[in-house]
Amino acid sequence: MKFFRRNGGTRTRNGDRLQLHLVAYQIAIHFFYFSN
């Protein structure tokens, strides 16, 4: 994970945003499954 930060600051920020979106999507899917 440390070498990821060495590759570039902007790329890491974009990757973090994508990961957050993926986590949010998974949470939303879980909520939908539980609600149904």
Protein backbone atom coordinates (compact mmCIF):
# COMPACT_ATOMS: atom_id res chain seq x y z
CA MET A 1 0.00 0.00 0.00
CA LYS A 2 2.94 2.34 0.70
CA PHE A 3 4.41 1.96 -2.80
CA PHE A 4 1.03 3.04 -4.20
CA ARG A 5 1.51 6.47 -2.63
CA ARG A 6 5.01 6.70 -4.13
CA ASN A 7 3.61 6.20 -7.65
CA GLY A 8 1.73 9.52 -7.55
CA GLY A 9 -0.37 11.74 -5.28
CA THR A 10 -3.11 12.53 -7.81
CA ARG A 11 -3.54 8.89 -8.79
CA THR A 12 -3.85 7.82 -5.15
CA ARG A 13 -6.54 10.43 -4.55
CA ASN A 14 -8.53 9.23 -7.58
CA GLY A 15 -8.10 5.62 -6.45
CA ASP A 16 -9.35 6.47 -2.96
CA ARG A 17 -12.42 8.14 -4.48
CA LEU A 18 -13.12 5.07 -6.61
CA GLN A 19 -12.72 2.80 -3.58
CA LEU A 20 -15.14 4.98 -1.59
CA HIS A 21 -17.66 4.79 -4.44
CA LEU A 22 -17.29 1.00 -4.58
CA VAL A 23 -17.81 0.75 -0.81
CA ALA A 24 -20.86 3.02 -1.05
CA TYR A 25 -22.23 0.84 -3.86
CA GLN A 26 -21.75 -2.31 -1.78
CA ILE A 27 -23.46 -0.68 1.22
CA ALA A 28 -26.36 0.42 -1.00
CA ILE A 29 -26.70 -3.11 -2.40
CA HIS A 30 -26.70 -4.55 1.12
CA PHE A 31 -29.39 -2.06 2.18
CA PHE A 32 -31.51 -3.01 -0.83
CA TYR A 33 -31.16 -6.72 -0.03
CA PHE A 34 -32.06 -6.16 3.63
CA SER A 35 -34.99 -3.88 2.78
CA ASN A 36 -36.50 -6.32 0.28
